[in-house]
Amino acid sequence: MNIELAQISSILLLAGEEKDLERFKSTKITFLVDSLDDFYNYFLENGIIILENPKEVPTGKNMRIQHPDGSIVEYVEHTR
């Protein structure tokens, strides 16, 4: 993806060129969760719009959803 990541406690910083960061700008917040599968199942059961299904990423796995108020939110589960 041509971006660099740095984690400081629970804060994740992204760096890169403007064109590489563009796809991340619509995400308003990222939540670190213990079980991405539990959240995924909850969202499916409750009709929440899933923009990106859970997938493997360098830090573990993530997904992006759209909350009913329109906010785009990323959920991340780090690999232990």
Protein backbone atom coordinates (compact mmCIF):
# COMPACT_ATOMS: atom_id res chain seq x y z
CA MET A 1 0.00 0.00 0.00
CA ASN A 2 3.06 2.27 0.09
CA ILE A 3 2.33 3.60 3.58
CA GLU A 4 4.25 3.43 6.82
CA LEU A 5 2.62 2.57 10.15
CA ALA A 6 3.73 3.41 13.67
CA GLN A 7 1.90 2.43 16.84
CA ILE A 8 2.24 4.38 20.06
CA SER A 9 0.14 2.69 22.74
CA SER A 10 -3.35 2.48 21.18
CA ILE A 11 -2.71 5.20 18.58
CA LEU A 12 -1.90 4.17 15.04
CA LEU A 13 -0.13 6.73 12.84
CA LEU A 14 -0.07 6.49 9.06
CA ALA A 15 2.46 8.20 6.83
CA GLY A 16 2.93 8.30 3.10
CA GLU A 17 2.32 10.30 0.00
CA GLU A 18 -1.04 12.01 -0.42
CA LYS A 19 -2.16 9.65 -3.21
CA ASP A 20 -1.38 6.59 -1.05
CA LEU A 21 -3.22 7.94 2.00
CA GLU A 22 -6.35 8.96 0.06
CA ARG A 23 -8.25 5.68 0.60
CA PHE A 24 -7.87 6.02 4.38
CA LYS A 25 -9.20 9.57 4.71
CA SER A 26 -12.89 8.61 4.76
CA THR A 27 -12.35 6.49 7.88
CA LYS A 28 -13.31 8.65 10.87
CA ILE A 29 -12.01 6.39 13.66
CA THR A 30 -10.38 3.01 14.19
CA PHE A 31 -11.31 0.73 17.07
CA LEU A 32 -8.96 -1.95 18.37
CA VAL A 33 -11.06 -4.98 19.38
CA ASP A 34 -10.35 -8.36 20.94
CA SER A 35 -12.43 -10.34 18.45
CA LEU A 36 -13.11 -9.03 14.97
CA ASP A 37 -15.26 -12.09 14.27
CA ASP A 38 -17.63 -11.18 17.12
CA PHE A 39 -18.10 -7.65 15.76
CA TYR A 40 -18.49 -8.93 12.19
CA ASN A 41 -21.24 -11.35 13.26
CA TYR A 42 -23.00 -8.62 15.27
CA PHE A 43 -22.93 -6.26 12.29
CA LEU A 44 -24.29 -8.95 9.95
CA GLU A 45 -27.10 -9.81 12.37
CA ASN A 46 -28.07 -6.15 12.75
CA GLY A 47 -27.97 -5.04 9.12
CA ILE A 48 -24.92 -2.79 9.44
CA ILE A 49 -23.29 -1.98 6.08
CA ILE A 50 -19.98 -3.78 5.74
CA LEU A 51 -17.74 -1.90 3.31
CA GLU A 52 -14.75 -4.25 3.55
CA ASN A 53 -15.06 -7.78 4.94
CA PRO A 54 -12.49 -8.94 7.48
CA LYS A 55 -9.09 -9.45 5.85
CA GLU A 56 -5.50 -10.07 6.86
CA VAL A 57 -3.34 -6.95 7.23
CA PRO A 58 0.23 -6.48 8.52
CA THR A 59 -1.00 -5.87 12.09
CA GLY A 60 -3.52 -8.75 12.18
CA LYS A 61 -6.89 -8.31 10.48
CA ASN A 62 -9.36 -5.50 9.89
CA MET A 63 -12.69 -4.53 8.37
CA ARG A 64 -14.46 -1.28 7.54
CA ILE A 65 -18.14 -0.62 8.13
CA GLN A 66 -20.58 2.24 7.78
CA HIS A 67 -22.50 3.07 10.95
CA PRO A 68 -26.17 4.06 10.62
CA ASP A 69 -25.19 7.75 11.00
CA GLY A 70 -22.98 7.42 7.90
CA SER A 71 -19.63 7.38 9.72
CA ILE A 72 -17.05 5.04 8.23
CA VAL A 73 -15.25 3.11 10.96
CA GLU A 74 -12.40 0.61 10.87
CA TYR A 75 -12.24 -2.28 13.33
CA VAL A 76 -8.87 -3.96 13.91
CA GLU A 77 -7.81 -7.09 15.76
CA HIS A 78 -4.05 -7.28 16.33
CA THR A 79 -2.28 -10.60 16.10
CA ARG A 80 -0.85 -11.54 19.45
